[in-house]
Amino acid sequence: ALGTYALCVALACFLWTRPILLTGCYVIISIFAFIRWHTASDFLF
């Protein structure tokens, strides 16, 4: 969880000027997050 947080902050800091690339990175992180955390409450949250 802390690694995911750090990665998201770093990506926002370095890629905010490239929103499509940043969006793609967050889509990939979301997919991996759902692979790791995939309970019904995770999807709802």
ModelCIF file with pLDDT and N, C-alpha, C, O atoms, coordinates in Angstrom:
data_MODEL
#
_entry.id   MODEL 
#
_entity.id                         1 
_entity.type                       polymer 
_entity.pdbx_number_of_molecules   1 
#
_entity_poly.entity_id                      1 
_entity_poly.type                           'polypeptide(L)' 
_entity_poly.nstd_linkage                   no 
_entity_poly.nstd_monomer                   no 
_entity_poly.pdbx_seq_one_letter_code       ALGTYALCVALACFLWTRPILLTGCYVIISIFAFIRWHTASDFLF 
_entity_poly.pdbx_seq_one_letter_code_can   ALGTYALCVALACFLWTRPILLTGCYVIISIFAFIRWHTASDFLF 
_entity_poly.pdbx_strand_id                 A 
#
loop_
_entity_poly_seq.entity_id 
_entity_poly_seq.num 
_entity_poly_seq.mon_id 
_entity_poly_seq.hetero 
1 1  ALA n 
1 2  LEU n 
1 3  GLY n 
1 4  THR n 
1 5  TYR n 
1 6  ALA n 
1 7  LEU n 
1 8  CYS n 
1 9  VAL n 
1 10 ALA n 
1 11 LEU n 
1 12 ALA n 
1 13 CYS n 
1 14 PHE n 
1 15 LEU n 
1 16 TRP n 
1 17 THR n 
1 18 ARG n 
1 19 PRO n 
1 20 ILE n 
1 21 LEU n 
1 22 LEU n 
1 23 THR n 
1 24 GLY n 
1 25 CYS n 
1 26 TYR n 
1 27 VAL n 
1 28 ILE n 
1 29 ILE n 
1 30 SER n 
1 31 ILE n 
1 32 PHE n 
1 33 ALA n 
1 34 PHE n 
1 35 ILE n 
1 36 ARG n 
1 37 TRP n 
1 38 HIS n 
1 39 THR n 
1 40 ALA n 
1 41 SER n 
1 42 ASP n 
1 43 PHE n 
1 44 LEU n 
1 45 PHE n 
#
_struct_asym.id          A 
_struct_asym.entity_id   1 
#
loop_
_ma_qa_metric.id 
_ma_qa_metric.mode 
_ma_qa_metric.name 
_ma_qa_metric.software_group_id 
_ma_qa_metric.type 
1 global pLDDT . pLDDT 
2 local  pLDDT . pLDDT 
#
_ma_qa_metric_global.metric_id      1 
_ma_qa_metric_global.metric_value   96.13 
_ma_qa_metric_global.model_id       1 
_ma_qa_metric_global.ordinal_id     1 
#
loop_
_ma_qa_metric_local.label_asym_id 
_ma_qa_metric_local.label_comp_id 
_ma_qa_metric_local.label_seq_id 
_ma_qa_metric_local.metric_id 
_ma_qa_metric_local.metric_value 
_ma_qa_metric_local.model_id 
_ma_qa_metric_local.ordinal_id 
A ALA 1  2 94.00 1 1  
A LEU 2  2 95.00 1 2  
A GLY 3  2 96.00 1 3  
A THR 4  2 96.00 1 4  
A TYR 5  2 97.00 1 5  
A ALA 6  2 97.00 1 6  
A LEU 7  2 98.00 1 7  
A CYS 8  2 98.00 1 8  
A VAL 9  2 98.00 1 9  
A ALA 10 2 98.00 1 10 
A LEU 11 2 98.00 1 11 
A ALA 12 2 97.00 1 12 
A CYS 13 2 97.00 1 13 
A PHE 14 2 97.00 1 14 
A LEU 15 2 97.00 1 15 
A TRP 16 2 95.00 1 16 
A THR 17 2 94.00 1 17 
A ARG 18 2 96.00 1 18 
A PRO 19 2 95.00 1 19 
A ILE 20 2 96.00 1 20 
A LEU 21 2 97.00 1 21 
A LEU 22 2 97.00 1 22 
A THR 23 2 97.00 1 23 
A GLY 24 2 98.00 1 24 
A CYS 25 2 98.00 1 25 
A TYR 26 2 98.00 1 26 
A VAL 27 2 98.00 1 27 
A ILE 28 2 98.00 1 28 
A ILE 29 2 98.00 1 29 
A SER 30 2 97.00 1 30 
A ILE 31 2 97.00 1 31 
A PHE 32 2 96.00 1 32 
A ALA 33 2 95.00 1 33 
A PHE 34 2 95.00 1 34 
A ILE 35 2 95.00 1 35 
A ARG 36 2 92.00 1 36 
A TRP 37 2 91.00 1 37 
A HIS 38 2 91.00 1 38 
A THR 39 2 93.00 1 39 
A ALA 40 2 95.00 1 40 
A SER 41 2 95.00 1 41 
A ASP 42 2 96.00 1 42 
A PHE 43 2 96.00 1 43 
A LEU 44 2 97.00 1 44 
A PHE 45 2 97.00 1 45 
#
loop_
_atom_site.group_PDB 
_atom_site.id 
_atom_site.type_symbol 
_atom_site.label_atom_id 
_atom_site.label_alt_id 
_atom_site.label_comp_id 
_atom_site.label_asym_id 
_atom_site.label_entity_id 
_atom_site.label_seq_id 
_atom_site.pdbx_PDB_ins_code 
_atom_site.Cartn_x 
_atom_site.Cartn_y 
_atom_site.Cartn_z 
_atom_site.occupancy 
_atom_site.B_iso_or_equiv 
_atom_site.pdbx_formal_charge 
_atom_site.auth_seq_id 
_atom_site.auth_comp_id 
_atom_site.auth_asym_id 
_atom_site.auth_atom_id 
_atom_site.pdbx_PDB_model_num 
ATOM 1   N N  . ALA A 1 1  ? 0.834   -1.206 0.000   1.00 94.00 ? 1  ALA A N  1 
ATOM 2   C CA . ALA A 1 1  ? 0.000   0.000  0.000   1.00 94.00 ? 1  ALA A CA 1 
ATOM 3   C C  . ALA A 1 1  ? 0.869   1.256  0.000   1.00 94.00 ? 1  ALA A C  1 
ATOM 4   O O  . ALA A 1 1  ? 0.601   2.193  -0.752  1.00 94.00 ? 1  ALA A O  1 
ATOM 5   N N  . LEU A 1 2  ? 1.901   1.284  0.831   1.00 95.00 ? 2  LEU A N  1 
ATOM 6   C CA . LEU A 1 2  ? 2.790   2.453  0.870   1.00 95.00 ? 2  LEU A CA 1 
ATOM 7   C C  . LEU A 1 2  ? 3.559   2.611  -0.441  1.00 95.00 ? 2  LEU A C  1 
ATOM 8   O O  . LEU A 1 2  ? 3.783   3.730  -0.902  1.00 95.00 ? 2  LEU A O  1 
ATOM 9   N N  . GLY A 1 3  ? 3.957   1.500  -1.033  1.00 96.00 ? 3  GLY A N  1 
ATOM 10  C CA . GLY A 1 3  ? 4.637   1.553  -2.321  1.00 96.00 ? 3  GLY A CA 1 
ATOM 11  C C  . GLY A 1 3  ? 3.734   2.090  -3.416  1.00 96.00 ? 3  GLY A C  1 
ATOM 12  O O  . GLY A 1 3  ? 4.161   2.882  -4.256  1.00 96.00 ? 3  GLY A O  1 
ATOM 13  N N  . THR A 1 4  ? 2.485   1.652  -3.399  1.00 96.00 ? 4  THR A N  1 
ATOM 14  C CA . THR A 1 4  ? 1.506   2.138  -4.371  1.00 96.00 ? 4  THR A CA 1 
ATOM 15  C C  . THR A 1 4  ? 1.298   3.639  -4.204  1.00 96.00 ? 4  THR A C  1 
ATOM 16  O O  . THR A 1 4  ? 1.245   4.384  -5.183  1.00 96.00 ? 4  THR A O  1 
ATOM 17  N N  . TYR A 1 5  ? 1.182   4.068  -2.959  1.00 97.00 ? 5  TYR A N  1 
ATOM 18  C CA . TYR A 1 5  ? 1.030   5.493  -2.661  1.00 97.00 ? 5  TYR A CA 1 
ATOM 19  C C  . TYR A 1 5  ? 2.225   6.286  -3.188  1.00 97.00 ? 5  TYR A C  1 
ATOM 20  O O  . TYR A 1 5  ? 2.054   7.294  -3.874  1.00 97.00 ? 5  TYR A O  1 
ATOM 21  N N  . ALA A 1 6  ? 3.430   5.830  -2.868  1.00 97.00 ? 6  ALA A N  1 
ATOM 22  C CA . ALA A 1 6  ? 4.647   6.528  -3.292  1.00 97.00 ? 6  ALA A CA 1 
ATOM 23  C C  . ALA A 1 6  ? 4.742   6.588  -4.820  1.00 97.00 ? 6  ALA A C  1 
ATOM 24  O O  . ALA A 1 6  ? 5.125   7.613  -5.385  1.00 97.00 ? 6  ALA A O  1 
ATOM 25  N N  . LEU A 1 7  ? 4.392   5.492  -5.475  1.00 98.00 ? 7  LEU A N  1 
ATOM 26  C CA . LEU A 1 7  ? 4.429   5.461  -6.936  1.00 98.00 ? 7  LEU A CA 1 
ATOM 27  C C  . LEU A 1 7  ? 3.445   6.468  -7.527  1.00 98.00 ? 7  LEU A C  1 
ATOM 28  O O  . LEU A 1 7  ? 3.786   7.193  -8.462  1.00 98.00 ? 7  LEU A O  1 
ATOM 29  N N  . CYS A 1 8  ? 2.241   6.514  -6.992  1.00 98.00 ? 8  CYS A N  1 
ATOM 30  C CA . CYS A 1 8  ? 1.228   7.454  -7.504  1.00 98.00 ? 8  CYS A CA 1 
ATOM 31  C C  . CYS A 1 8  ? 1.655   8.900  -7.301  1.00 98.00 ? 8  CYS A C  1 
ATOM 32  O O  . CYS A 1 8  ? 1.450   9.734  -8.183  1.00 98.00 ? 8  CYS A O  1 
ATOM 33  N N  . VAL A 1 9  ? 2.244   9.209  -6.156  1.00 98.00 ? 9  VAL A N  1 
ATOM 34  C CA . VAL A 1 9  ? 2.715   10.574 -5.901  1.00 98.00 ? 9  VAL A CA 1 
ATOM 35  C C  . VAL A 1 9  ? 3.849   10.921 -6.861  1.00 98.00 ? 9  VAL A C  1 
ATOM 36  O O  . VAL A 1 9  ? 3.859   12.005 -7.444  1.00 98.00 ? 9  VAL A O  1 
ATOM 37  N N  . ALA A 1 10 ? 4.801   10.008 -7.026  1.00 98.00 ? 10 ALA A N  1 
ATOM 38  C CA . ALA A 1 10 ? 5.927   10.261 -7.925  1.00 98.00 ? 10 ALA A CA 1 
ATOM 39  C C  . ALA A 1 10 ? 5.449   10.462 -9.364  1.00 98.00 ? 10 ALA A C  1 
ATOM 40  O O  . ALA A 1 10 ? 5.920   11.362 -10.061 1.00 98.00 ? 10 ALA A O  1 
ATOM 41  N N  . LEU A 1 11 ? 4.520   9.626  -9.800  1.00 98.00 ? 11 LEU A N  1 
ATOM 42  C CA . LEU A 1 11 ? 3.993   9.776  -11.158 1.00 98.00 ? 11 LEU A CA 1 
ATOM 43  C C  . LEU A 1 11 ? 3.292   11.111 -11.346 1.00 98.00 ? 11 LEU A C  1 
ATOM 44  O O  . LEU A 1 11 ? 3.461   11.761 -12.378 1.00 98.00 ? 11 LEU A O  1 
ATOM 45  N N  . ALA A 1 12 ? 2.512   11.525 -10.363 1.00 97.00 ? 12 ALA A N  1 
ATOM 46  C CA . ALA A 1 12 ? 1.827   12.815 -10.461 1.00 97.00 ? 12 ALA A CA 1 
ATOM 47  C C  . ALA A 1 12 ? 2.835   13.958 -10.523 1.00 97.00 ? 12 ALA A C  1 
ATOM 48  O O  . ALA A 1 12 ? 2.641   14.919 -11.267 1.00 97.00 ? 12 ALA A O  1 
ATOM 49  N N  . CYS A 1 13 ? 3.906   13.857 -9.744  1.00 97.00 ? 13 CYS A N  1 
ATOM 50  C CA . CYS A 1 13 ? 4.927   14.910 -9.747  1.00 97.00 ? 13 CYS A CA 1 
ATOM 51  C C  . CYS A 1 13 ? 5.646   15.021 -11.086 1.00 97.00 ? 13 CYS A C  1 
ATOM 52  O O  . CYS A 1 13 ? 5.936   16.122 -11.556 1.00 97.00 ? 13 CYS A O  1 
ATOM 53  N N  . PHE A 1 14 ? 5.930   13.881 -11.693 1.00 97.00 ? 14 PHE A N  1 
ATOM 54  C CA . PHE A 1 14 ? 6.742   13.895 -12.905 1.00 97.00 ? 14 PHE A CA 1 
ATOM 55  C C  . PHE A 1 14 ? 5.941   13.880 -14.208 1.00 97.00 ? 14 PHE A C  1 
ATOM 56  O O  . PHE A 1 14 ? 6.461   14.275 -15.252 1.00 97.00 ? 14 PHE A O  1 
ATOM 57  N N  . LEU A 1 15 ? 4.691   13.432 -14.163 1.00 97.00 ? 15 LEU A N  1 
ATOM 58  C CA . LEU A 1 15 ? 3.931   13.296 -15.412 1.00 97.00 ? 15 LEU A CA 1 
ATOM 59  C C  . LEU A 1 15 ? 2.703   14.200 -15.500 1.00 97.00 ? 15 LEU A C  1 
ATOM 60  O O  . LEU A 1 15 ? 1.895   14.027 -16.413 1.00 97.00 ? 15 LEU A O  1 
ATOM 61  N N  . TRP A 1 16 ? 2.532   15.155 -14.591 1.00 95.00 ? 16 TRP A N  1 
ATOM 62  C CA . TRP A 1 16 ? 1.321   15.978 -14.625 1.00 95.00 ? 16 TRP A CA 1 
ATOM 63  C C  . TRP A 1 16 ? 1.217   16.775 -15.921 1.00 95.00 ? 16 TRP A C  1 
ATOM 64  O O  . TRP A 1 16 ? 0.116   17.151 -16.322 1.00 95.00 ? 16 TRP A O  1 
ATOM 65  N N  . THR A 1 17 ? 2.334   17.037 -16.577 1.00 94.00 ? 17 THR A N  1 
ATOM 66  C CA . THR A 1 17 ? 2.288   17.783 -17.841 1.00 94.00 ? 17 THR A CA 1 
ATOM 67  C C  . THR A 1 17 ? 1.924   16.883 -19.017 1.00 94.00 ? 17 THR A C  1 
ATOM 68  O O  . THR A 1 17 ? 1.723   17.368 -20.131 1.00 94.00 ? 17 THR A O  1 
ATOM 69  N N  . ARG A 1 18 ? 1.839   15.588 -18.777 1.00 96.00 ? 18 ARG A N  1 
ATOM 70  C CA . ARG A 1 18 ? 1.474   14.625 -19.825 1.00 96.00 ? 18 ARG A CA 1 
ATOM 71  C C  . ARG A 1 18 ? 0.265   13.816 -19.324 1.00 96.00 ? 18 ARG A C  1 
ATOM 72  O O  . ARG A 1 18 ? 0.407   12.649 -18.958 1.00 96.00 ? 18 ARG A O  1 
ATOM 73  N N  . PRO A 1 19 ? -0.913  14.437 -19.310 1.00 95.00 ? 19 PRO A N  1 
ATOM 74  C CA . PRO A 1 19 ? -2.077  13.819 -18.674 1.00 95.00 ? 19 PRO A CA 1 
ATOM 75  C C  . PRO A 1 19 ? -2.506  12.481 -19.273 1.00 95.00 ? 19 PRO A C  1 
ATOM 76  O O  . PRO A 1 19 ? -2.997  11.619 -18.543 1.00 95.00 ? 19 PRO A O  1 
ATOM 77  N N  . ILE A 1 20 ? -2.338  12.288 -20.559 1.00 96.00 ? 20 ILE A N  1 
ATOM 78  C CA . ILE A 1 20 ? -2.745  11.011 -21.160 1.00 96.00 ? 20 ILE A CA 1 
ATOM 79  C C  . ILE A 1 20 ? -1.827  9.890  -20.668 1.00 96.00 ? 20 ILE A C  1 
ATOM 80  O O  . ILE A 1 20 ? -2.295  8.799  -20.343 1.00 96.00 ? 20 ILE A O  1 
ATOM 81  N N  . LEU A 1 21 ? -0.535  10.157 -20.614 1.00 97.00 ? 21 LEU A N  1 
ATOM 82  C CA . LEU A 1 21 ? 0.415   9.168  -20.100 1.00 97.00 ? 21 LEU A CA 1 
ATOM 83  C C  . LEU A 1 21 ? 0.152   8.879  -18.626 1.00 97.00 ? 21 LEU A C  1 
ATOM 84  O O  . LEU A 1 21 ? 0.180   7.722  -18.205 1.00 97.00 ? 21 LEU A O  1 
ATOM 85  N N  . LEU A 1 22 ? -0.101  9.917  -17.847 1.00 97.00 ? 22 LEU A N  1 
ATOM 86  C CA . LEU A 1 22 ? -0.397  9.736  -16.425 1.00 97.00 ? 22 LEU A CA 1 
ATOM 87  C C  . LEU A 1 22 ? -1.689  8.947  -16.238 1.00 97.00 ? 22 LEU A C  1 
ATOM 88  O O  . LEU A 1 22 ? -1.767  8.085  -15.363 1.00 97.00 ? 22 LEU A O  1 
ATOM 89  N N  . THR A 1 23 ? -2.691  9.231  -17.042 1.00 97.00 ? 23 THR A N  1 
ATOM 90  C CA . THR A 1 23 ? -3.946  8.477  -16.987 1.00 97.00 ? 23 THR A CA 1 
ATOM 91  C C  . THR A 1 23 ? -3.682  7.004  -17.278 1.00 97.00 ? 23 THR A C  1 
ATOM 92  O O  . THR A 1 23 ? -4.192  6.133  -16.572 1.00 97.00 ? 23 THR A O  1 
ATOM 93  N N  . GLY A 1 24 ? -2.895  6.719  -18.305 1.00 98.00 ? 24 GLY A N  1 
ATOM 94  C CA . GLY A 1 24 ? -2.552  5.336  -18.638 1.00 98.00 ? 24 GLY A CA 1 
ATOM 95  C C  . GLY A 1 24 ? -1.830  4.630  -17.503 1.00 98.00 ? 24 GLY A C  1 
ATOM 96  O O  . GLY A 1 24 ? -2.110  3.468  -17.208 1.00 98.00 ? 24 GLY A O  1 
ATOM 97  N N  . CYS A 1 25 ? -0.903  5.330  -16.868 1.00 98.00 ? 25 CYS A N  1 
ATOM 98  C CA . CYS A 1 25 ? -0.188  4.753  -15.723 1.00 98.00 ? 25 CYS A CA 1 
ATOM 99  C C  . CYS A 1 25 ? -1.159  4.424  -14.589 1.00 98.00 ? 25 CYS A C  1 
ATOM 100 O O  . CYS A 1 25 ? -1.058  3.365  -13.971 1.00 98.00 ? 25 CYS A O  1 
ATOM 101 N N  . TYR A 1 26 ? -2.094  5.327  -14.317 1.00 98.00 ? 26 TYR A N  1 
ATOM 102 C CA . TYR A 1 26 ? -3.058  5.089  -13.243 1.00 98.00 ? 26 TYR A CA 1 
ATOM 103 C C  . TYR A 1 26 ? -4.044  3.974  -13.598 1.00 98.00 ? 26 TYR A C  1 
ATOM 104 O O  . TYR A 1 26 ? -4.519  3.270  -12.708 1.00 98.00 ? 26 TYR A O  1 
ATOM 105 N N  . VAL A 1 27 ? -4.355  3.806  -14.875 1.00 98.00 ? 27 VAL A N  1 
ATOM 106 C CA . VAL A 1 27 ? -5.186  2.671  -15.296 1.00 98.00 ? 27 VAL A CA 1 
ATOM 107 C C  . VAL A 1 27 ? -4.444  1.370  -14.982 1.00 98.00 ? 27 VAL A C  1 
ATOM 108 O O  . VAL A 1 27 ? -5.031  0.432  -14.443 1.00 98.00 ? 27 VAL A O  1 
ATOM 109 N N  . ILE A 1 28 ? -3.171  1.318  -15.316 1.00 98.00 ? 28 ILE A N  1 
ATOM 110 C CA . ILE A 1 28 ? -2.370  0.117  -15.049 1.00 98.00 ? 28 ILE A CA 1 
ATOM 111 C C  . ILE A 1 28 ? -2.269  -0.148 -13.551 1.00 98.00 ? 28 ILE A C  1 
ATOM 112 O O  . ILE A 1 28 ? -2.404  -1.290 -13.113 1.00 98.00 ? 28 ILE A O  1 
ATOM 113 N N  . ILE A 1 29 ? -2.033  0.894  -12.769 1.00 98.00 ? 29 ILE A N  1 
ATOM 114 C CA . ILE A 1 29 ? -1.964  0.728  -11.312 1.00 98.00 ? 29 ILE A CA 1 
ATOM 115 C C  . ILE A 1 29 ? -3.311  0.259  -10.769 1.00 98.00 ? 29 ILE A C  1 
ATOM 116 O O  . ILE A 1 29 ? -3.357  -0.581 -9.871  1.00 98.00 ? 29 ILE A O  1 
ATOM 117 N N  . SER A 1 30 ? -4.403  0.790  -11.303 1.00 97.00 ? 30 SER A N  1 
ATOM 118 C CA . SER A 1 30 ? -5.744  0.358  -10.870 1.00 97.00 ? 30 SER A CA 1 
ATOM 119 C C  . SER A 1 30 ? -5.952  -1.125 -11.152 1.00 97.00 ? 30 SER A C  1 
ATOM 120 O O  . SER A 1 30 ? -6.499  -1.846 -10.318 1.00 97.00 ? 30 SER A O  1 
ATOM 121 N N  . ILE A 1 31 ? -5.525  -1.577 -12.306 1.00 97.00 ? 31 ILE A N  1 
ATOM 122 C CA . ILE A 1 31 ? -5.660  -3.002 -12.650 1.00 97.00 ? 31 ILE A CA 1 
ATOM 123 C C  . ILE A 1 31 ? -4.864  -3.856 -11.673 1.00 97.00 ? 31 ILE A C  1 
ATOM 124 O O  . ILE A 1 31 ? -5.372  -4.849 -11.151 1.00 97.00 ? 31 ILE A O  1 
ATOM 125 N N  . PHE A 1 32 ? -3.617  -3.468 -11.429 1.00 96.00 ? 32 PHE A N  1 
ATOM 126 C CA . PHE A 1 32 ? -2.803  -4.224 -10.475 1.00 96.00 ? 32 PHE A CA 1 
ATOM 127 C C  . PHE A 1 32 ? -3.382  -4.159 -9.059  1.00 96.00 ? 32 PHE A C  1 
ATOM 128 O O  . PHE A 1 32 ? -3.305  -5.133 -8.311  1.00 96.00 ? 32 PHE A O  1 
ATOM 129 N N  . ALA A 1 33 ? -3.957  -3.014 -8.693  1.00 95.00 ? 33 ALA A N  1 
ATOM 130 C CA . ALA A 1 33 ? -4.582  -2.896 -7.371  1.00 95.00 ? 33 ALA A CA 1 
ATOM 131 C C  . ALA A 1 33 ? -5.762  -3.858 -7.253  1.00 95.00 ? 33 ALA A C  1 
ATOM 132 O O  . ALA A 1 33 ? -5.962  -4.473 -6.206  1.00 95.00 ? 33 ALA A O  1 
ATOM 133 N N  . PHE A 1 34 ? -6.542  -3.987 -8.327  1.00 95.00 ? 34 PHE A N  1 
ATOM 134 C CA . PHE A 1 34 ? -7.667  -4.922 -8.289  1.00 95.00 ? 34 PHE A CA 1 
ATOM 135 C C  . PHE A 1 34 ? -7.215  -6.375 -8.300  1.00 95.00 ? 34 PHE A C  1 
ATOM 136 O O  . PHE A 1 34 ? -7.906  -7.247 -7.775  1.00 95.00 ? 34 PHE A O  1 
ATOM 137 N N  . ILE A 1 35 ? -6.073  -6.632 -8.890  1.00 95.00 ? 35 ILE A N  1 
ATOM 138 C CA . ILE A 1 35 ? -5.529  -7.997 -8.819  1.00 95.00 ? 35 ILE A CA 1 
ATOM 139 C C  . ILE A 1 35 ? -5.134  -8.299 -7.370  1.00 95.00 ? 35 ILE A C  1 
ATOM 140 O O  . ILE A 1 35 ? -5.355  -9.404 -6.876  1.00 95.00 ? 35 ILE A O  1 
ATOM 141 N N  . ARG A 1 36 ? -4.553  -7.316 -6.705  1.00 92.00 ? 36 ARG A N  1 
ATOM 142 C CA . ARG A 1 36 ? -4.118  -7.498 -5.305  1.00 92.00 ? 36 ARG A CA 1 
ATOM 143 C C  . ARG A 1 36 ? -5.294  -7.418 -4.334  1.00 92.00 ? 36 ARG A C  1 
ATOM 144 O O  . ARG A 1 36 ? -5.437  -8.269 -3.455  1.00 92.00 ? 36 ARG A O  1 
ATOM 145 N N  . TRP A 1 37 ? -6.116  -6.416 -4.490  1.00 91.00 ? 37 TRP A N  1 
ATOM 146 C CA . TRP A 1 37 ? -7.251  -6.177 -3.590  1.00 91.00 ? 37 TRP A CA 1 
ATOM 147 C C  . TRP A 1 37 ? -8.530  -6.293 -4.415  1.00 91.00 ? 37 TRP A C  1 
ATOM 148 O O  . TRP A 1 37 ? -8.856  -5.385 -5.180  1.00 91.00 ? 37 TRP A O  1 
ATOM 149 N N  . HIS A 1 38 ? -9.244  -7.380 -4.271  1.00 91.00 ? 38 HIS A N  1 
ATOM 150 C CA . HIS A 1 38 ? -10.388 -7.611 -5.159  1.00 91.00 ? 38 HIS A CA 1 
ATOM 151 C C  . HIS A 1 38 ? -11.638 -8.103 -4.441  1.00 91.00 ? 38 HIS A C  1 
ATOM 152 O O  . HIS A 1 38 ? -12.407 -8.884 -5.001  1.00 91.00 ? 38 HIS A O  1 
ATOM 153 N N  . THR A 1 39 ? -11.843 -7.658 -3.218  1.00 93.00 ? 39 THR A N  1 
ATOM 154 C CA . THR A 1 39 ? -13.088 -7.998 -2.544  1.00 93.00 ? 39 THR A CA 1 
ATOM 155 C C  . THR A 1 39 ? -14.208 -7.093 -3.079  1.00 93.00 ? 39 THR A C  1 
ATOM 156 O O  . THR A 1 39 ? -13.958 -6.087 -3.743  1.00 93.00 ? 39 THR A O  1 
ATOM 157 N N  . ALA A 1 40 ? -15.418 -7.479 -2.775  1.00 95.00 ? 40 ALA A N  1 
ATOM 158 C CA . ALA A 1 40 ? -16.554 -6.655 -3.207  1.00 95.00 ? 40 ALA A CA 1 
ATOM 159 C C  . ALA A 1 40 ? -16.463 -5.257 -2.607  1.00 95.00 ? 40 ALA A C  1 
ATOM 160 O O  . ALA A 1 40 ? -16.792 -4.276 -3.273  1.00 95.00 ? 40 ALA A O  1 
ATOM 161 N N  . SER A 1 41 ? -16.019 -5.157 -1.359  1.00 95.00 ? 41 SER A N  1 
ATOM 162 C CA . SER A 1 41 ? -15.912 -3.831 -0.743  1.00 95.00 ? 41 SER A CA 1 
ATOM 163 C C  . SER A 1 41 ? -14.806 -3.001 -1.399  1.00 95.00 ? 41 SER A C  1 
ATOM 164 O O  . SER A 1 41 ? -14.921 -1.778 -1.475  1.00 95.00 ? 41 SER A O  1 
ATOM 165 N N  . ASP A 1 42 ? -13.736 -3.651 -1.875  1.00 96.00 ? 42 ASP A N  1 
ATOM 166 C CA . ASP A 1 42 ? -12.694 -2.911 -2.585  1.00 96.00 ? 42 ASP A CA 1 
ATOM 167 C C  . ASP A 1 42 ? -13.256 -2.270 -3.845  1.00 96.00 ? 42 ASP A C  1 
ATOM 168 O O  . ASP A 1 42 ? -12.993 -1.099 -4.118  1.00 96.00 ? 42 ASP A O  1 
ATOM 169 N N  . PHE A 1 43 ? -14.029 -3.030 -4.614  1.00 96.00 ? 43 PHE A N  1 
ATOM 170 C CA . PHE A 1 43 ? -14.636 -2.483 -5.834  1.00 96.00 ? 43 PHE A CA 1 
ATOM 171 C C  . PHE A 1 43 ? -15.604 -1.351 -5.503  1.00 96.00 ? 43 PHE A C  1 
ATOM 172 O O  . PHE A 1 43 ? -15.634 -0.332 -6.192  1.00 96.00 ? 43 PHE A O  1 
ATOM 173 N N  . LEU A 1 44 ? -16.389 -1.533 -4.453  1.00 97.00 ? 44 LEU A N  1 
ATOM 174 C CA . LEU A 1 44 ? -17.343 -0.498 -4.057  1.00 97.00 ? 44 LEU A CA 1 
ATOM 175 C C  . LEU A 1 44 ? -16.619 0.769  -3.606  1.00 97.00 ? 44 LEU A C  1 
ATOM 176 O O  . LEU A 1 44 ? -16.971 1.871  -4.028  1.00 97.00 ? 44 LEU A O  1 
ATOM 177 N N  . PHE A 1 45 ? -15.614 0.617  -2.755  1.00 97.00 ? 45 PHE A N  1 
ATOM 178 C CA . PHE A 1 45 ? -14.852 1.775  -2.289  1.00 97.00 ? 45 PHE A CA 1 
ATOM 179 C C  . PHE A 1 45 ? -14.238 2.516  -3.476  1.00 97.00 ? 45 PHE A C  1 
ATOM 180 O O  . PHE A 1 45 ? -13.556 3.523  -3.289  1.00 97.00 ? 45 PHE A O  1 
#
